[in-house]
Amino acid sequence: MGVNYIEGWKKSHYKEGRGWCNMQAQQDWVKIENEYKKMLDEVGGDESKVKQLECLARVLGERRGHTRSVGRKVKNIAPYNIPAPSTNNVDLNAFALQLTQQLSQQFNQQMQQMFMSQNPNTQPPPPVQFNIDLSQVQLPNRQVIYNDDAQSDDAQSDDDQSTDSQTSSGSD
């Protein structure tokens, strides 16, 4: 017949030589037997048509997703089907590409403005190329932009060294 839930419940609550584990279990067993007999009478005595889990749930009660003294109910037997990609994904990818291009243009304009404000007499740097692959995100090649302050600090330290050498040679 399959799994015998009622006998399983009895084996877990009644032990030979010790008896019932507590008085509540003994009272529940009497109720289970009466309910099982009543359900047998309803289906004409055919034990294969009696649902033992339903019998236990009627007598012992149940919570959401759980039958007392039996355990959790099985849910979602069918596997979860992933929906097929829709046209919205194509629209979203096109929007993402357009947005990335706009951001790239804004970034290049800001970089050129910053570079021109720091180096007014030089050519602007070439625009940064963003390689966008929708399956993978790639970072652009990093370009080093030299700061004028760092170059002037180097030149000043060279001037300090030449001044030190002149003062040391002049004091001799």
C-alpha atoms as a PDB file:
ATOM      1  CA  MET A   1       0.000   0.000   0.000  1.00  0.00           C
ATOM      2  CA  GLY A   2       2.947   2.356   0.345  1.00  0.00           C
ATOM      3  CA  VAL A   3       3.794   4.354   3.442  1.00  0.00           C
ATOM      4  CA  ASN A   4       1.705   3.493   6.479  1.00  0.00           C
ATOM      5  CA  TYR A   5       1.619   6.823   8.315  1.00  0.00           C
ATOM      6  CA  ILE A   6      -0.727   5.673  11.076  1.00  0.00           C
ATOM      7  CA  GLU A   7       1.481   2.700  12.036  1.00  0.00           C
ATOM      8  CA  GLY A   8       4.516   4.985  11.878  1.00  0.00           C
ATOM      9  CA  TRP A   9       2.843   7.397  14.276  1.00  0.00           C
ATOM     10  CA  LYS A  10       2.031   4.523  16.663  1.00  0.00           C
ATOM     11  CA  LYS A  11       5.617   3.171  16.542  1.00  0.00           C
ATOM     12  CA  SER A  12       7.013   6.566  17.440  1.00  0.00           C
ATOM     13  CA  HIS A  13       4.632   7.036  20.408  1.00  0.00           C
ATOM     14  CA  TYR A  14       4.186   3.487  21.785  1.00  0.00           C
ATOM     15  CA  LYS A  15       6.950   1.089  22.918  1.00  0.00           C
ATOM     16  CA  GLU A  16       6.466  -2.552  23.950  1.00  0.00           C
ATOM     17  CA  GLY A  17       7.094  -2.936  27.659  1.00  0.00           C
ATOM     18  CA  ARG A  18       6.866   0.819  28.360  1.00  0.00           C
ATOM     19  CA  GLY A  19       3.503   1.699  26.841  1.00  0.00           C
ATOM     20  CA  TRP A  20       2.557   5.157  25.560  1.00  0.00           C
ATOM     21  CA  CYS A  21       5.064   7.966  25.862  1.00  0.00           C
ATOM     22  CA  ASN A  22       2.430  10.180  27.569  1.00  0.00           C
ATOM     23  CA  MET A  23      -1.298  10.368  28.234  1.00  0.00           C
ATOM     24  CA  GLN A  24      -1.893  12.770  25.324  1.00  0.00           C
ATOM     25  CA  ALA A  25      -0.449  10.224  22.859  1.00  0.00           C
ATOM     26  CA  GLN A  26      -2.768   7.514  24.222  1.00  0.00           C
ATOM     27  CA  GLN A  27      -5.795   9.812  23.835  1.00  0.00           C
ATOM     28  CA  ASP A  28      -4.699  10.788  20.306  1.00  0.00           C
ATOM     29  CA  TRP A  29      -4.371   7.104  19.376  1.00  0.00           C
ATOM     30  CA  VAL A  30      -7.975   6.425  20.355  1.00  0.00           C
ATOM     31  CA  LYS A  31      -9.089   9.402  18.233  1.00  0.00           C
ATOM     32  CA  ILE A  32      -6.956   8.228  15.280  1.00  0.00           C
ATOM     33  CA  GLU A  33      -8.466   4.714  15.419  1.00  0.00           C
ATOM     34  CA  ASN A  34     -12.013   6.105  15.564  1.00  0.00           C
ATOM     35  CA  GLU A  35     -11.393   8.525  12.660  1.00  0.00           C
ATOM     36  CA  TYR A  36      -9.750   5.782  10.575  1.00  0.00           C
ATOM     37  CA  LYS A  37     -12.728   3.445  11.119  1.00  0.00           C
ATOM     38  CA  LYS A  38     -15.122   6.270  10.215  1.00  0.00           C
ATOM     39  CA  MET A  39     -13.193   6.989   6.991  1.00  0.00           C
ATOM     40  CA  LEU A  40     -13.182   3.255   6.135  1.00  0.00           C
ATOM     41  CA  ASP A  41     -16.969   3.173   6.499  1.00  0.00           C
ATOM     42  CA  GLU A  42     -17.286   6.211   4.172  1.00  0.00           C
ATOM     43  CA  VAL A  43     -15.367   4.481   1.335  1.00  0.00           C
ATOM     44  CA  GLY A  44     -17.021   1.092   1.813  1.00  0.00           C
ATOM     45  CA  GLY A  45     -14.203  -0.669   3.697  1.00  0.00           C
ATOM     46  CA  ASP A  46     -11.522  -0.295   0.994  1.00  0.00           C
ATOM     47  CA  GLU A  47      -8.282   0.573   2.836  1.00  0.00           C
ATOM     48  CA  SER A  48      -6.536   1.677  -0.374  1.00  0.00           C
ATOM     49  CA  LYS A  49      -8.985   4.592  -0.708  1.00  0.00           C
ATOM     50  CA  VAL A  50      -8.429   5.905   2.822  1.00  0.00           C
ATOM     51  CA  LYS A  51      -5.924   8.752   2.948  1.00  0.00           C
ATOM     52  CA  GLN A  52      -3.899   8.236   6.112  1.00  0.00           C
ATOM     53  CA  LEU A  53      -2.372  11.713   6.019  1.00  0.00           C
ATOM     54  CA  GLU A  54      -5.844  13.217   5.896  1.00  0.00           C
ATOM     55  CA  CYS A  55      -6.877  11.066   8.870  1.00  0.00           C
ATOM     56  CA  LEU A  56      -3.883  12.233  10.917  1.00  0.00           C
ATOM     57  CA  ALA A  57      -4.464  15.853   9.893  1.00  0.00           C
ATOM     58  CA  ARG A  58      -8.116  15.685  11.033  1.00  0.00           C
ATOM     59  CA  VAL A  59      -7.227  14.224  14.430  1.00  0.00           C
ATOM     60  CA  LEU A  60      -3.923  15.920  15.222  1.00  0.00           C
ATOM     61  CA  GLY A  61      -4.466  19.174  13.349  1.00  0.00           C
ATOM     62  CA  GLU A  62      -2.178  20.918  10.909  1.00  0.00           C
ATOM     63  CA  ARG A  63      -0.365  24.167  10.419  1.00  0.00           C
ATOM     64  CA  ARG A  64       0.514  25.823   7.172  1.00  0.00           C
ATOM     65  CA  GLY A  65       2.793  23.392   5.332  1.00  0.00           C
ATOM     66  CA  HIS A  66       3.056  20.965   8.283  1.00  0.00           C
ATOM     67  CA  THR A  67       1.027  18.069   9.709  1.00  0.00           C
ATOM     68  CA  ARG A  68       1.466  17.415  13.438  1.00  0.00           C
ATOM     69  CA  SER A  69       3.503  14.307  14.234  1.00  0.00           C
ATOM     70  CA  VAL A  70       4.107  13.673  10.521  1.00  0.00           C
ATOM     71  CA  GLY A  71       6.227  16.564   9.288  1.00  0.00           C
ATOM     72  CA  ARG A  72       6.378  19.012   6.435  1.00  0.00           C
ATOM     73  CA  LYS A  73       4.164  18.688   3.400  1.00  0.00           C
ATOM     74  CA  VAL A  74       5.827  18.347   0.017  1.00  0.00           C
ATOM     75  CA  LYS A  75       5.431  21.442  -2.127  1.00  0.00           C
ATOM     76  CA  ASN A  76       6.495  22.392  -5.619  1.00  0.00           C
ATOM     77  CA  ILE A  77       6.976  18.881  -6.942  1.00  0.00           C
ATOM     78  CA  ALA A  78       7.211  20.212 -10.503  1.00  0.00           C
ATOM     79  CA  PRO A  79      10.545  21.857 -11.311  1.00  0.00           C
ATOM     80  CA  TYR A  80      10.652  25.605 -11.709  1.00  0.00           C
ATOM     81  CA  ASN A  81      10.570  26.528 -15.380  1.00  0.00           C
ATOM     82  CA  ILE A  82      12.720  29.486 -16.367  1.00  0.00           C
ATOM     83  CA  PRO A  83      10.813  31.717 -18.769  1.00  0.00           C
ATOM     84  CA  ALA A  84      12.220  32.148 -22.259  1.00  0.00           C
ATOM     85  CA  PRO A  85      13.949  35.447 -23.029  1.00  0.00           C
ATOM     86  CA  SER A  86      11.492  37.994 -24.335  1.00  0.00           C
ATOM     87  CA  THR A  87      11.804  40.994 -26.594  1.00  0.00           C
ATOM     88  CA  ASN A  88      12.101  43.150 -23.481  1.00  0.00           C
ATOM     89  CA  ASN A  89      15.617  41.796 -22.985  1.00  0.00           C
ATOM     90  CA  VAL A  90      16.588  42.980 -26.470  1.00  0.00           C
ATOM     91  CA  ASP A  91      15.146  46.427 -25.741  1.00  0.00           C
ATOM     92  CA  LEU A  92      16.958  46.501 -22.413  1.00  0.00           C
ATOM     93  CA  ASN A  93      20.279  45.569 -24.030  1.00  0.00           C
ATOM     94  CA  ALA A  94      19.858  48.297 -26.660  1.00  0.00           C
ATOM     95  CA  PHE A  95      19.033  50.819 -23.937  1.00  0.00           C
ATOM     96  CA  ALA A  96      22.089  49.751 -21.926  1.00  0.00           C
ATOM     97  CA  LEU A  97      24.330  50.174 -24.971  1.00  0.00           C
ATOM     98  CA  GLN A  98      22.900  53.625 -25.729  1.00  0.00           C
ATOM     99  CA  LEU A  99      23.291  54.717 -22.103  1.00  0.00           C
ATOM    100  CA  THR A 100      26.889  53.482 -22.021  1.00  0.00           C
ATOM    101  CA  GLN A 101      27.713  55.430 -25.178  1.00  0.00           C
ATOM    102  CA  GLN A 102      26.218  58.614 -23.721  1.00  0.00           C
ATOM    103  CA  LEU A 103      28.171  58.189 -20.493  1.00  0.00           C
ATOM    104  CA  SER A 104      31.338  57.554 -22.474  1.00  0.00           C
ATOM    105  CA  GLN A 105      30.852  60.788 -24.432  1.00  0.00           C
ATOM    106  CA  GLN A 106      30.224  62.784 -21.251  1.00  0.00           C
ATOM    107  CA  PHE A 107      33.288  61.239 -19.619  1.00  0.00           C
ATOM    108  CA  ASN A 108      35.485  62.116 -22.616  1.00  0.00           C
ATOM    109  CA  GLN A 109      34.210  65.709 -22.656  1.00  0.00           C
ATOM    110  CA  GLN A 110      34.926  66.139 -18.956  1.00  0.00           C
ATOM    111  CA  MET A 111      38.390  64.627 -19.331  1.00  0.00           C
ATOM    112  CA  GLN A 112      39.198  66.975 -22.228  1.00  0.00           C
ATOM    113  CA  GLN A 113      37.987  70.004 -20.263  1.00  0.00           C
ATOM    114  CA  MET A 114      40.072  68.981 -17.266  1.00  0.00           C
ATOM    115  CA  PHE A 115      43.140  68.311 -19.401  1.00  0.00           C
ATOM    116  CA  MET A 116      42.801  71.602 -21.279  1.00  0.00           C
ATOM    117  CA  SER A 117      42.432  73.561 -18.030  1.00  0.00           C
ATOM    118  CA  GLN A 118      45.674  72.016 -16.734  1.00  0.00           C
ATOM    119  CA  ASN A 119      47.593  72.147 -20.039  1.00  0.00           C
ATOM    120  CA  PRO A 120      46.296  75.061 -22.120  1.00  0.00           C
ATOM    121  CA  ASN A 121      49.095  74.934 -24.748  1.00  0.00           C
ATOM    122  CA  THR A 122      48.924  71.241 -25.631  1.00  0.00           C
ATOM    123  CA  GLN A 123      46.779  69.018 -27.776  1.00  0.00           C
ATOM    124  CA  PRO A 124      43.888  67.266 -26.010  1.00  0.00           C
ATOM    125  CA  PRO A 125      44.420  63.570 -25.307  1.00  0.00           C
ATOM    126  CA  PRO A 126      42.745  61.038 -27.561  1.00  0.00           C
ATOM    127  CA  PRO A 127      39.273  60.013 -26.389  1.00  0.00           C
ATOM    128  CA  VAL A 128      39.013  56.937 -24.229  1.00  0.00           C
ATOM    129  CA  GLN A 129      37.505  53.976 -26.068  1.00  0.00           C
ATOM    130  CA  PHE A 130      35.038  51.887 -24.092  1.00  0.00           C
ATOM    131  CA  ASN A 131      34.774  48.354 -25.444  1.00  0.00           C
ATOM    132  CA  ILE A 132      31.322  47.116 -24.464  1.00  0.00           C
ATOM    133  CA  ASP A 133      30.353  43.485 -24.821  1.00  0.00           C
ATOM    134  CA  LEU A 134      26.914  42.823 -23.388  1.00  0.00           C
ATOM    135  CA  SER A 135      27.925  39.349 -22.265  1.00  0.00           C
ATOM    136  CA  GLN A 136      31.013  40.636 -20.452  1.00  0.00           C
ATOM    137  CA  VAL A 137      31.842  43.999 -18.963  1.00  0.00           C
ATOM    138  CA  GLN A 138      35.305  45.167 -19.902  1.00  0.00           C
ATOM    139  CA  LEU A 139      37.120  48.064 -18.308  1.00  0.00           C
ATOM    140  CA  PRO A 140      38.828  50.619 -20.584  1.00  0.00           C
ATOM    141  CA  ASN A 141      42.603  50.782 -20.813  1.00  0.00           C
ATOM    142  CA  ARG A 142      43.848  53.106 -18.124  1.00  0.00           C
ATOM    143  CA  GLN A 143      45.889  56.048 -19.340  1.00  0.00           C
ATOM    144  CA  VAL A 144      48.228  57.902 -17.012  1.00  0.00           C
ATOM    145  CA  ILE A 145      47.737  61.665 -17.043  1.00  0.00           C
ATOM    146  CA  TYR A 146      50.721  63.496 -15.607  1.00  0.00           C
ATOM    147  CA  ASN A 147      50.017  66.290 -13.211  1.00  0.00           C
ATOM    148  CA  ASP A 148      51.747  69.660 -13.842  1.00  0.00           C
ATOM    149  CA  ASP A 149      52.350  70.052 -10.103  1.00  0.00           C
ATOM    150  CA  ALA A 150      54.399  66.855 -10.014  1.00  0.00           C
ATOM    151  CA  GLN A 151      56.516  68.025 -12.965  1.00  0.00           C
ATOM    152  CA  SER A 152      57.059  71.464 -11.415  1.00  0.00           C
ATOM    153  CA  ASP A 153      58.072  69.812  -8.108  1.00  0.00           C
ATOM    154  CA  ASP A 154      60.714  67.795  -9.970  1.00  0.00           C
ATOM    155  CA  ALA A 155      61.984  70.915 -11.726  1.00  0.00           C
ATOM    156  CA  GLN A 156      62.089  72.812  -8.429  1.00  0.00           C
ATOM    157  CA  SER A 157      64.084  70.044  -6.737  1.00  0.00           C
ATOM    158  CA  ASP A 158      66.564  70.166  -9.656  1.00  0.00           C
ATOM    159  CA  ASP A 159      66.872  73.950  -9.184  1.00  0.00           C
ATOM    160  CA  ASP A 160      67.459  73.474  -5.435  1.00  0.00           C
ATOM    161  CA  GLN A 161      70.248  70.995  -6.109  1.00  0.00           C
ATOM    162  CA  SER A 162      71.978  73.357  -8.566  1.00  0.00           C
ATOM    163  CA  THR A 163      71.673  76.243  -6.067  1.00  0.00           C
ATOM    164  CA  ASP A 164      73.181  74.065  -3.326  1.00  0.00           C
ATOM    165  CA  SER A 165      76.110  73.142  -5.541  1.00  0.00           C
ATOM    166  CA  GLN A 166      76.722  76.819  -6.407  1.00  0.00           C
ATOM    167  CA  THR A 167      76.685  77.939  -2.782  1.00  0.00           C
ATOM    168  CA  SER A 168      79.019  75.155  -1.752  1.00  0.00           C
ATOM    169  CA  SER A 169      81.464  76.006  -4.566  1.00  0.00           C
ATOM    170  CA  GLY A 170      81.203  79.769  -3.849  1.00  0.00           C
ATOM    171  CA  SER A 171      82.025  79.403  -0.139  1.00  0.00           C
ATOM    172  CA  ASP A 172      85.321  77.563  -0.826  1.00  0.00           C
END
